[in-house]
């Protein structure tokens, strides 16, 4: 995950002609579908994420994600939503509709699991 996040940061830096490695200029807008309990927050914090939309079908997972995010000093702006991406149209449910990166770590795996 870190490798992919770093690669995306480099591509965006080049596209926007930003100073290489400027860690204070957070730029990435990320949609995390099936975010779980926030296990990837540390990885996202290492990237240049400025805005995250984190969705999961489990209210308990979203609560735990928000708790971990708060404990890690809110490393980026966060919008959470309890949604099942197979049944809802997220575009109309969230305040943001442009993303540099969309993460779907395990949601497709679980969707086709049965």
C-alpha atoms as a PDB file:
ATOM      1  CA  UNK A   1       0.000   0.000   0.000  1.00  0.00           C
ATOM      2  CA  UNK A   2       2.759   2.461   0.918  1.00  0.00           C
ATOM      3  CA  UNK A   3       4.439   1.857  -2.445  1.00  0.00           C
ATOM      4  CA  UNK A   4       1.237   2.602  -4.356  1.00  0.00           C
ATOM      5  CA  UNK A   5       0.519   5.695  -2.281  1.00  0.00           C
ATOM      6  CA  UNK A   6       4.058   6.981  -2.840  1.00  0.00           C
ATOM      7  CA  UNK A   7       3.824   6.285  -6.595  1.00  0.00           C
ATOM      8  CA  UNK A   8       0.540   8.180  -6.821  1.00  0.00           C
ATOM      9  CA  UNK A   9       2.035  11.098  -4.893  1.00  0.00           C
ATOM     10  CA  UNK A  10       4.936  11.254  -7.349  1.00  0.00           C
ATOM     11  CA  UNK A  11       2.568  11.259 -10.339  1.00  0.00           C
ATOM     12  CA  UNK A  12       0.450  14.018  -8.837  1.00  0.00           C
ATOM     13  CA  UNK A  13       3.565  16.038  -7.922  1.00  0.00           C
ATOM     14  CA  UNK A  14       4.735  15.831 -11.522  1.00  0.00           C
ATOM     15  CA  UNK A  15       1.318  16.691 -12.946  1.00  0.00           C
ATOM     16  CA  UNK A  16       0.904  19.714 -10.674  1.00  0.00           C
ATOM     17  CA  UNK A  17       4.597  20.686 -10.907  1.00  0.00           C
ATOM     18  CA  UNK A  18       5.065  20.588  -7.138  1.00  0.00           C
ATOM     19  CA  UNK A  19       8.341  20.511  -5.275  1.00  0.00           C
ATOM     20  CA  UNK A  20       9.434  16.901  -4.918  1.00  0.00           C
ATOM     21  CA  UNK A  21       9.062  15.547  -1.421  1.00  0.00           C
ATOM     22  CA  UNK A  22       7.294  18.603   0.000  1.00  0.00           C
ATOM     23  CA  UNK A  23       5.558  16.756   2.841  1.00  0.00           C
ATOM     24  CA  UNK A  24       3.760  19.892   4.035  1.00  0.00           C
ATOM     25  CA  UNK A  25       1.789  20.257   0.816  1.00  0.00           C
ATOM     26  CA  UNK A  26      -0.966  17.690   1.207  1.00  0.00           C
ATOM     27  CA  UNK A  27      -2.825  17.200  -2.027  1.00  0.00           C
ATOM     28  CA  UNK A  28      -4.470  13.817  -2.438  1.00  0.00           C
ATOM     29  CA  UNK A  29      -8.226  13.352  -2.238  1.00  0.00           C
ATOM     30  CA  UNK A  30      -9.029   9.701  -1.510  1.00  0.00           C
ATOM     31  CA  UNK A  31     -12.196   7.592  -1.528  1.00  0.00           C
ATOM     32  CA  UNK A  32     -11.778   4.463   0.599  1.00  0.00           C
ATOM     33  CA  UNK A  33     -14.584   2.008  -0.123  1.00  0.00           C
ATOM     34  CA  UNK A  34     -14.797  -0.649   2.567  1.00  0.00           C
ATOM     35  CA  UNK A  35     -12.479   1.248   4.904  1.00  0.00           C
ATOM     36  CA  UNK A  36     -12.967  -1.196   7.757  1.00  0.00           C
ATOM     37  CA  UNK A  37     -11.839  -0.124  11.204  1.00  0.00           C
ATOM     38  CA  UNK A  38      -9.146   2.248  10.019  1.00  0.00           C
ATOM     39  CA  UNK A  39      -6.255  -0.174   9.720  1.00  0.00           C
ATOM     40  CA  UNK A  40      -4.827   1.899   6.838  1.00  0.00           C
ATOM     41  CA  UNK A  41      -4.878   5.284   8.576  1.00  0.00           C
ATOM     42  CA  UNK A  42      -1.154   5.072   9.348  1.00  0.00           C
ATOM     43  CA  UNK A  43      -0.410   4.315   5.691  1.00  0.00           C
ATOM     44  CA  UNK A  44      -2.584   7.179   4.479  1.00  0.00           C
ATOM     45  CA  UNK A  45      -0.939   9.501   6.990  1.00  0.00           C
ATOM     46  CA  UNK A  46       2.436   8.810   5.346  1.00  0.00           C
ATOM     47  CA  UNK A  47       1.019   9.919   1.998  1.00  0.00           C
ATOM     48  CA  UNK A  48      -0.024  13.399   1.035  1.00  0.00           C
ATOM     49  CA  UNK A  49      -3.713  12.904   1.777  1.00  0.00           C
ATOM     50  CA  UNK A  50      -5.617  16.094   2.450  1.00  0.00           C
ATOM     51  CA  UNK A  51      -9.184  14.767   2.247  1.00  0.00           C
ATOM     52  CA  UNK A  52     -10.569  11.267   2.815  1.00  0.00           C
ATOM     53  CA  UNK A  53     -14.042   9.896   2.256  1.00  0.00           C
ATOM     54  CA  UNK A  54     -14.189   6.598   4.155  1.00  0.00           C
ATOM     55  CA  UNK A  55     -17.173   4.307   3.645  1.00  0.00           C
ATOM     56  CA  UNK A  56     -18.132   0.935   5.066  1.00  0.00           C
ATOM     57  CA  UNK A  57     -21.404  -0.960   5.451  1.00  0.00           C
ATOM     58  CA  UNK A  58     -20.727  -1.519   9.161  1.00  0.00           C
ATOM     59  CA  UNK A  59     -21.584   1.280  11.614  1.00  0.00           C
ATOM     60  CA  UNK A  60     -19.252  -0.343  14.167  1.00  0.00           C
ATOM     61  CA  UNK A  61     -16.345  -0.178  11.712  1.00  0.00           C
ATOM     62  CA  UNK A  62     -17.005   3.497  10.972  1.00  0.00           C
ATOM     63  CA  UNK A  63     -17.105   4.302  14.716  1.00  0.00           C
ATOM     64  CA  UNK A  64     -13.765   2.533  15.231  1.00  0.00           C
ATOM     65  CA  UNK A  65     -12.277   4.299  12.168  1.00  0.00           C
ATOM     66  CA  UNK A  66     -13.289   7.697  13.561  1.00  0.00           C
ATOM     67  CA  UNK A  67     -11.861   6.785  16.987  1.00  0.00           C
ATOM     68  CA  UNK A  68      -8.491   5.739  15.520  1.00  0.00           C
ATOM     69  CA  UNK A  69      -8.423   8.815  13.266  1.00  0.00           C
ATOM     70  CA  UNK A  70      -8.968  11.048  16.305  1.00  0.00           C
ATOM     71  CA  UNK A  71      -6.308   9.205  18.328  1.00  0.00           C
ATOM     72  CA  UNK A  72      -3.814   9.832  15.495  1.00  0.00           C
ATOM     73  CA  UNK A  73      -4.406  13.602  15.698  1.00  0.00           C
ATOM     74  CA  UNK A  74      -6.710  13.789  12.671  1.00  0.00           C
ATOM     75  CA  UNK A  75      -4.012  13.493   9.978  1.00  0.00           C
ATOM     76  CA  UNK A  76      -6.376  14.622   7.188  1.00  0.00           C
ATOM     77  CA  UNK A  77      -9.894  15.957   6.706  1.00  0.00           C
ATOM     78  CA  UNK A  78     -12.361  13.110   6.999  1.00  0.00           C
ATOM     79  CA  UNK A  79     -15.909  12.423   5.889  1.00  0.00           C
ATOM     80  CA  UNK A  80     -17.348   9.032   6.850  1.00  0.00           C
ATOM     81  CA  UNK A  81     -20.462   7.304   5.589  1.00  0.00           C
ATOM     82  CA  UNK A  82     -22.154   4.046   6.480  1.00  0.00           C
ATOM     83  CA  UNK A  83     -22.966   2.749   3.009  1.00  0.00           C
ATOM     84  CA  UNK A  84     -22.956  -0.509   1.092  1.00  0.00           C
ATOM     85  CA  UNK A  85     -21.345   0.463  -2.197  1.00  0.00           C
ATOM     86  CA  UNK A  86     -23.199  -2.345  -4.004  1.00  0.00           C
ATOM     87  CA  UNK A  87     -26.612  -0.870  -3.119  1.00  0.00           C
ATOM     88  CA  UNK A  88     -26.200   2.903  -2.911  1.00  0.00           C
ATOM     89  CA  UNK A  89     -24.979   5.676  -5.152  1.00  0.00           C
ATOM     90  CA  UNK A  90     -22.185   7.318  -3.136  1.00  0.00           C
ATOM     91  CA  UNK A  91     -21.871  10.215  -5.569  1.00  0.00           C
ATOM     92  CA  UNK A  92     -25.074  11.756  -4.222  1.00  0.00           C
ATOM     93  CA  UNK A  93     -24.333  10.901  -0.581  1.00  0.00           C
ATOM     94  CA  UNK A  94     -20.927  12.542  -0.091  1.00  0.00           C
ATOM     95  CA  UNK A  95     -19.803  16.170  -0.173  1.00  0.00           C
ATOM     96  CA  UNK A  96     -16.946  15.503  -2.554  1.00  0.00           C
ATOM     97  CA  UNK A  97     -16.935  13.942  -6.007  1.00  0.00           C
ATOM     98  CA  UNK A  98     -13.360  14.227  -7.331  1.00  0.00           C
ATOM     99  CA  UNK A  99     -10.684  11.801  -6.159  1.00  0.00           C
ATOM    100  CA  UNK A 100      -7.041  11.271  -6.999  1.00  0.00           C
ATOM    101  CA  UNK A 101      -7.174   7.737  -5.665  1.00  0.00           C
ATOM    102  CA  UNK A 102      -9.878   5.183  -4.915  1.00  0.00           C
ATOM    103  CA  UNK A 103      -9.028   2.357  -2.549  1.00  0.00           C
ATOM    104  CA  UNK A 104     -11.080  -0.815  -2.373  1.00  0.00           C
ATOM    105  CA  UNK A 105      -8.734  -3.129  -0.476  1.00  0.00           C
ATOM    106  CA  UNK A 106     -11.059  -6.009   0.388  1.00  0.00           C
ATOM    107  CA  UNK A 107     -14.575  -4.969  -0.547  1.00  0.00           C
ATOM    108  CA  UNK A 108     -14.550  -6.736  -3.931  1.00  0.00           C
ATOM    109  CA  UNK A 109     -13.131  -9.843  -2.283  1.00  0.00           C
ATOM    110  CA  UNK A 110     -16.010  -9.923   0.208  1.00  0.00           C
ATOM    111  CA  UNK A 111     -18.604  -8.990  -2.389  1.00  0.00           C
ATOM    112  CA  UNK A 112     -17.813 -12.098  -4.436  1.00  0.00           C
ATOM    113  CA  UNK A 113     -17.187 -14.311  -1.422  1.00  0.00           C
ATOM    114  CA  UNK A 114     -20.674 -15.861  -1.465  1.00  0.00           C
END
